[in-house]
Amino acid sequence: MEMHNIPFCVTHWADIPPTTHPGESGFALWHTQRFGDIRVRLVEYSAGYVADHWCKKGHVLFCLEGELRTELDDGREFILTPGMSYQVADNAEPHRSSTTVGAKLFIVD
């Protein structure tokens, strides 16, 4: 990834209105900034959230709060807790996430 034409700026995430994205159960609140082709998000998953799709998008994802369970389509599962991250390329390994307790994530994709 190369980042071009992004002036220095500070983001106050509380000032960015969230959009609601329902899951199979629960919901996600996305606070989203776009910088050219790069999307930067602060995402909050409700307790009981289960994704309604398999994602093929690449991400760099960092867990700030809570606990996130990510399942890969080959059956592997990973649990992220605060201070942990995962990285995956576009179209590399389809994945879907869920959480029983809720989670807050910082995601760049």
N, C-alpha and C. Protein backbone atom coordinates (compact mmCIF):
# COMPACT_ATOMS: atom_id res chain seq x y z
N MET A 1 0.85 -1.17 0.00
CA MET A 1 0.00 0.00 0.00
C MET A 1 0.89 1.22 0.00
N GLU A 2 0.56 2.15 -0.84
CA GLU A 2 1.20 3.45 -0.81
C GLU A 2 0.15 4.49 -0.49
N MET A 3 0.53 5.42 0.35
CA MET A 3 -0.40 6.48 0.73
C MET A 3 0.08 7.78 0.11
N HIS A 4 -0.81 8.40 -0.68
CA HIS A 4 -0.49 9.63 -1.38
C HIS A 4 -1.54 10.69 -1.09
N ASN A 5 -1.12 11.94 -1.15
CA ASN A 5 -2.03 13.08 -1.08
C ASN A 5 -2.92 13.08 0.16
N ILE A 6 -2.32 12.72 1.29
CA ILE A 6 -3.05 12.78 2.56
C ILE A 6 -2.35 13.82 3.43
N PRO A 7 -2.96 14.97 3.59
CA PRO A 7 -2.34 15.98 4.46
C PRO A 7 -2.43 15.52 5.91
N PHE A 8 -1.54 16.02 6.72
CA PHE A 8 -1.60 15.71 8.15
C PHE A 8 -2.92 16.19 8.71
N CYS A 9 -3.59 15.33 9.45
CA CYS A 9 -4.84 15.72 10.10
C CYS A 9 -5.02 14.90 11.36
N VAL A 10 -5.78 15.43 12.26
CA VAL A 10 -6.10 14.76 13.52
C VAL A 10 -7.56 14.37 13.45
N THR A 11 -7.87 13.15 13.88
CA THR A 11 -9.25 12.66 13.86
C THR A 11 -9.77 12.55 15.29
N HIS A 12 -10.87 13.21 15.55
CA HIS A 12 -11.60 13.07 16.81
C HIS A 12 -12.75 12.11 16.50
N TRP A 13 -12.55 10.84 16.81
CA TRP A 13 -13.49 9.80 16.39
C TRP A 13 -14.89 10.03 16.94
N ALA A 14 -15.02 10.64 18.10
CA ALA A 14 -16.35 10.90 18.66
C ALA A 14 -17.14 11.90 17.82
N ASP A 15 -16.44 12.70 17.01
CA ASP A 15 -17.11 13.68 16.15
C ASP A 15 -17.58 13.10 14.82
N ILE A 16 -17.21 11.87 14.54
CA ILE A 16 -17.60 11.25 13.27
C ILE A 16 -18.85 10.41 13.51
N PRO A 17 -19.98 10.77 12.91
CA PRO A 17 -21.21 10.03 13.16
C PRO A 17 -21.08 8.58 12.67
N PRO A 18 -21.55 7.65 13.49
CA PRO A 18 -21.45 6.24 13.08
C PRO A 18 -22.56 5.86 12.10
N THR A 19 -22.26 4.84 11.32
CA THR A 19 -23.29 4.18 10.52
C THR A 19 -23.50 2.81 11.13
N THR A 20 -24.74 2.34 11.11
CA THR A 20 -25.08 1.06 11.72
C THR A 20 -25.11 -0.03 10.66
N HIS A 21 -24.47 -1.15 10.96
CA HIS A 21 -24.39 -2.29 10.04
C HIS A 21 -24.88 -3.52 10.79
N PRO A 22 -26.10 -3.99 10.49
CA PRO A 22 -26.61 -5.16 11.19
C PRO A 22 -25.86 -6.42 10.80
N GLY A 23 -25.70 -7.30 11.76
CA GLY A 23 -25.11 -8.60 11.49
C GLY A 23 -26.20 -9.65 11.42
N GLU A 24 -25.79 -10.91 11.35
CA GLU A 24 -26.75 -12.01 11.47
C GLU A 24 -27.46 -11.88 12.80
N SER A 25 -26.71 -11.48 13.82
CA SER A 25 -27.27 -11.02 15.09
C SER A 25 -26.41 -9.87 15.57
N GLY A 26 -26.98 -8.99 16.36
CA GLY A 26 -26.26 -7.82 16.82
C GLY A 26 -26.01 -6.82 15.70
N PHE A 27 -25.13 -5.87 15.97
CA PHE A 27 -24.85 -4.82 14.99
C PHE A 27 -23.44 -4.29 15.19
N ALA A 28 -22.96 -3.58 14.17
CA ALA A 28 -21.68 -2.89 14.23
C ALA A 28 -21.91 -1.41 13.97
N LEU A 29 -21.22 -0.57 14.73
CA LEU A 29 -21.22 0.86 14.49
C LEU A 29 -19.87 1.22 13.91
N TRP A 30 -19.88 1.82 12.71
CA TRP A 30 -18.65 2.21 12.01
C TRP A 30 -18.52 3.72 12.03
N HIS A 31 -17.41 4.21 12.56
CA HIS A 31 -16.99 5.60 12.41
C HIS A 31 -15.92 5.54 11.32
N THR A 32 -16.17 6.14 10.17
CA THR A 32 -15.32 5.92 9.00
C THR A 32 -14.73 7.21 8.46
N GLN A 33 -13.45 7.15 8.16
CA GLN A 33 -12.74 8.20 7.44
C GLN A 33 -12.18 7.59 6.16
N ARG A 34 -12.21 8.33 5.08
CA ARG A 34 -11.60 7.87 3.81
C ARG A 34 -10.50 8.83 3.42
N PHE A 35 -9.39 8.23 3.01
CA PHE A 35 -8.24 9.00 2.52
C PHE A 35 -7.86 8.38 1.19
N GLY A 36 -8.43 8.88 0.10
CA GLY A 36 -8.22 8.25 -1.20
C GLY A 36 -8.80 6.84 -1.18
N ASP A 37 -7.99 5.86 -1.52
CA ASP A 37 -8.43 4.46 -1.54
C ASP A 37 -8.36 3.79 -0.18
N ILE A 38 -7.90 4.50 0.83
CA ILE A 38 -7.71 3.91 2.16
C ILE A 38 -8.90 4.27 3.05
N ARG A 39 -9.45 3.24 3.66
CA ARG A 39 -10.55 3.43 4.61
C ARG A 39 -10.00 3.17 6.01
N VAL A 40 -10.27 4.09 6.94
CA VAL A 40 -9.84 3.96 8.32
C VAL A 40 -11.10 4.02 9.18
N ARG A 41 -11.24 3.03 10.07
CA ARG A 41 -12.49 2.94 10.84
C ARG A 41 -12.25 2.66 12.31
N LEU A 42 -13.11 3.20 13.13
CA LEU A 42 -13.25 2.79 14.51
C LEU A 42 -14.57 2.04 14.52
N VAL A 43 -14.53 0.75 14.83
CA VAL A 43 -15.72 -0.10 14.74
C VAL A 43 -16.04 -0.65 16.12
N GLU A 44 -17.31 -0.54 16.49
CA GLU A 44 -17.79 -1.08 17.76
C GLU A 44 -18.82 -2.16 17.46
N TYR A 45 -18.54 -3.39 17.89
CA TYR A 45 -19.48 -4.50 17.74
C TYR A 45 -20.27 -4.65 19.03
N SER A 46 -21.56 -4.83 18.89
CA SER A 46 -22.42 -5.06 20.06
C SER A 46 -22.15 -6.46 20.61
N ALA A 47 -22.49 -6.65 21.87
CA ALA A 47 -22.47 -8.00 22.43
C ALA A 47 -23.40 -8.87 21.60
N GLY A 48 -23.00 -10.09 21.32
CA GLY A 48 -23.82 -10.99 20.53
C GLY A 48 -23.72 -10.81 19.03
N TYR A 49 -22.79 -9.96 18.57
CA TYR A 49 -22.64 -9.73 17.13
C TYR A 49 -22.10 -10.97 16.44
N VAL A 50 -22.72 -11.30 15.30
CA VAL A 50 -22.23 -12.34 14.39
C VAL A 50 -22.33 -11.77 12.98
N ALA A 51 -21.22 -11.77 12.25
CA ALA A 51 -21.21 -11.23 10.89
C ALA A 51 -22.19 -11.99 10.01
N ASP A 52 -22.81 -11.29 9.07
CA ASP A 52 -23.78 -11.91 8.17
C ASP A 52 -23.15 -12.29 6.83
N HIS A 53 -21.81 -12.27 6.75
CA HIS A 53 -21.13 -12.58 5.49
C HIS A 53 -19.69 -13.03 5.76
N TRP A 54 -19.11 -13.68 4.77
CA TRP A 54 -17.67 -13.99 4.77
C TRP A 54 -16.99 -12.83 4.07
N CYS A 55 -16.02 -12.23 4.72
CA CYS A 55 -15.33 -11.07 4.18
C CYS A 55 -14.07 -11.51 3.42
N LYS A 56 -13.86 -10.93 2.24
CA LYS A 56 -12.66 -11.20 1.45
C LYS A 56 -11.74 -9.99 1.37
N LYS A 57 -12.14 -8.89 2.03
CA LYS A 57 -11.36 -7.66 2.02
C LYS A 57 -10.16 -7.80 2.93
N GLY A 58 -9.03 -7.26 2.52
CA GLY A 58 -7.85 -7.23 3.37
C GLY A 58 -7.97 -6.15 4.43
N HIS A 59 -7.40 -6.41 5.60
CA HIS A 59 -7.46 -5.46 6.71
C HIS A 59 -6.18 -5.52 7.54
N VAL A 60 -5.92 -4.44 8.22
CA VAL A 60 -5.08 -4.43 9.40
C VAL A 60 -6.03 -4.04 10.51
N LEU A 61 -6.20 -4.92 11.47
CA LEU A 61 -7.22 -4.76 12.50
C LEU A 61 -6.56 -4.83 13.87
N PHE A 62 -6.86 -3.87 14.75
CA PHE A 62 -6.29 -3.81 16.09
C PHE A 62 -7.42 -3.77 17.10
N CYS A 63 -7.39 -4.68 18.07
CA CYS A 63 -8.43 -4.77 19.10
C CYS A 63 -8.11 -3.80 20.23
N LEU A 64 -9.04 -2.87 20.48
CA LEU A 64 -8.89 -1.88 21.55
C LEU A 64 -9.57 -2.32 22.84
N GLU A 65 -10.76 -2.93 22.70
CA GLU A 65 -11.56 -3.33 23.86
C GLU A 65 -12.32 -4.60 23.52
N GLY A 66 -12.68 -5.36 24.55
CA GLY A 66 -13.54 -6.52 24.38
C GLY A 66 -12.79 -7.73 23.86
N GLU A 67 -13.52 -8.56 23.12
CA GLU A 67 -12.96 -9.80 22.59
C GLU A 67 -13.61 -10.10 21.25
N LEU A 68 -12.80 -10.40 20.24
CA LEU A 68 -13.29 -10.68 18.89
C LEU A 68 -12.85 -12.07 18.48
N ARG A 69 -13.81 -12.87 18.03
CA ARG A 69 -13.54 -14.20 17.49
C ARG A 69 -13.60 -14.10 15.97
N THR A 70 -12.53 -14.53 15.30
CA THR A 70 -12.50 -14.51 13.84
C THR A 70 -12.30 -15.93 13.35
N GLU A 71 -13.19 -16.35 12.47
CA GLU A 71 -13.17 -17.70 11.89
C GLU A 71 -12.74 -17.58 10.43
N LEU A 72 -11.81 -18.43 10.01
CA LEU A 72 -11.43 -18.49 8.60
C LEU A 72 -12.22 -19.59 7.92
N ASP A 73 -12.39 -19.50 6.61
CA ASP A 73 -13.23 -20.49 5.91
C ASP A 73 -12.60 -21.89 5.91
N ASP A 74 -11.33 -22.01 6.30
CA ASP A 74 -10.72 -23.33 6.41
C ASP A 74 -10.93 -23.96 7.79
N GLY A 75 -11.68 -23.26 8.66
CA GLY A 75 -12.01 -23.80 9.97
C GLY A 75 -11.16 -23.27 11.12
N ARG A 76 -10.06 -22.61 10.83
CA ARG A 76 -9.25 -22.06 11.93
C ARG A 76 -10.00 -20.90 12.59
N GLU A 77 -9.76 -20.74 13.89
CA GLU A 77 -10.37 -19.66 14.66
C GLU A 77 -9.31 -18.95 15.48
N PHE A 78 -9.50 -17.65 15.64
CA PHE A 78 -8.57 -16.83 16.40
C PHE A 78 -9.36 -15.92 17.31
N ILE A 79 -8.86 -15.71 18.51
CA ILE A 79 -9.49 -14.80 19.47
C ILE A 79 -8.55 -13.62 19.68
N LEU A 80 -9.07 -12.42 19.46
CA LEU A 80 -8.30 -11.20 19.72
C LEU A 80 -8.83 -10.55 20.99
N THR A 81 -7.90 -10.12 21.82
CA THR A 81 -8.21 -9.35 23.02
C THR A 81 -7.44 -8.04 22.92
N PRO A 82 -7.71 -7.08 23.80
CA PRO A 82 -7.06 -5.78 23.69
C PRO A 82 -5.53 -5.90 23.57
N GLY A 83 -5.00 -5.14 22.59
CA GLY A 83 -3.57 -5.14 22.34
C GLY A 83 -3.14 -6.11 21.26
N MET A 84 -4.07 -6.91 20.73
CA MET A 84 -3.75 -7.86 19.67
C MET A 84 -4.27 -7.34 18.33
N SER A 85 -3.66 -7.84 17.24
CA SER A 85 -4.10 -7.46 15.90
C SER A 85 -4.08 -8.66 14.98
N TYR A 86 -4.74 -8.50 13.83
CA TYR A 86 -4.50 -9.43 12.73
C TYR A 86 -4.36 -8.64 11.45
N GLN A 87 -3.72 -9.26 10.49
CA GLN A 87 -3.48 -8.68 9.19
C GLN A 87 -3.83 -9.75 8.16
N VAL A 88 -4.54 -9.38 7.11
CA VAL A 88 -4.89 -10.32 6.05
C VAL A 88 -4.99 -9.54 4.75
N ALA A 89 -4.56 -10.17 3.66
CA ALA A 89 -4.56 -9.52 2.35
C ALA A 89 -5.93 -9.64 1.68
N ASP A 90 -6.17 -8.77 0.70
CA ASP A 90 -7.38 -8.87 -0.11
C ASP A 90 -7.43 -10.25 -0.77
N ASN A 91 -8.60 -10.86 -0.76
CA ASN A 91 -8.87 -12.14 -1.44
C ASN A 91 -7.94 -13.27 -1.01
N ALA A 92 -7.36 -13.18 0.19
CA ALA A 92 -6.42 -14.21 0.65
C ALA A 92 -7.12 -15.32 1.42
N GLU A 93 -7.83 -14.97 2.47
CA GLU A 93 -8.47 -15.96 3.33
C GLU A 93 -9.79 -15.40 3.83
N PRO A 94 -10.91 -15.84 3.24
CA PRO A 94 -12.20 -15.35 3.71
C PRO A 94 -12.35 -15.56 5.22
N HIS A 95 -12.94 -14.57 5.87
CA HIS A 95 -13.05 -14.59 7.32
C HIS A 95 -14.37 -13.95 7.74
N ARG A 96 -14.81 -14.32 8.94
CA ARG A 96 -15.98 -13.67 9.52
C ARG A 96 -15.78 -13.58 11.02
N SER A 97 -16.38 -12.55 11.59
CA SER A 97 -16.14 -12.25 12.99
C SER A 97 -17.41 -12.33 13.82
N SER A 98 -17.20 -12.55 15.10
CA SER A 98 -18.30 -12.54 16.06
C SER A 98 -17.74 -12.17 17.43
N THR A 99 -18.63 -11.81 18.33
CA THR A 99 -18.23 -11.51 19.70
C THR A 99 -19.40 -11.76 20.62
N THR A 100 -19.12 -12.35 21.76
CA THR A 100 -20.19 -12.54 22.75
C THR A 100 -20.29 -11.33 23.67
N VAL A 101 -19.16 -10.66 23.93
CA VAL A 101 -19.13 -9.57 24.92
C VAL A 101 -19.06 -8.18 24.29
N GLY A 102 -18.86 -8.10 22.99
CA GLY A 102 -18.67 -6.83 22.30
C GLY A 102 -17.19 -6.56 22.11
N ALA A 103 -16.88 -5.67 21.19
CA ALA A 103 -15.49 -5.34 20.91
C ALA A 103 -15.42 -3.96 20.25
N LYS A 104 -14.29 -3.29 20.47
CA LYS A 104 -13.98 -2.04 19.77
C LYS A 104 -12.67 -2.24 19.04
N LEU A 105 -12.68 -1.92 17.75
CA LEU A 105 -11.55 -2.19 16.87
C LEU A 105 -11.14 -0.96 16.10
N PHE A 106 -9.86 -0.87 15.77
CA PHE A 106 -9.34 0.13 14.84
C PHE A 106 -8.92 -0.64 13.60
N ILE A 107 -9.47 -0.26 12.44
CA ILE A 107 -9.28 -1.04 11.21
C ILE A 107 -8.83 -0.12 10.10
N VAL A 108 -7.81 -0.57 9.36
CA VAL A 108 -7.36 0.12 8.16
C VAL A 108 -7.48 -0.85 7.00
N ASP A 109 -8.16 -0.43 5.95
CA ASP A 109 -8.30 -1.29 4.77
C ASP A 109 -8.52 -0.45 3.51
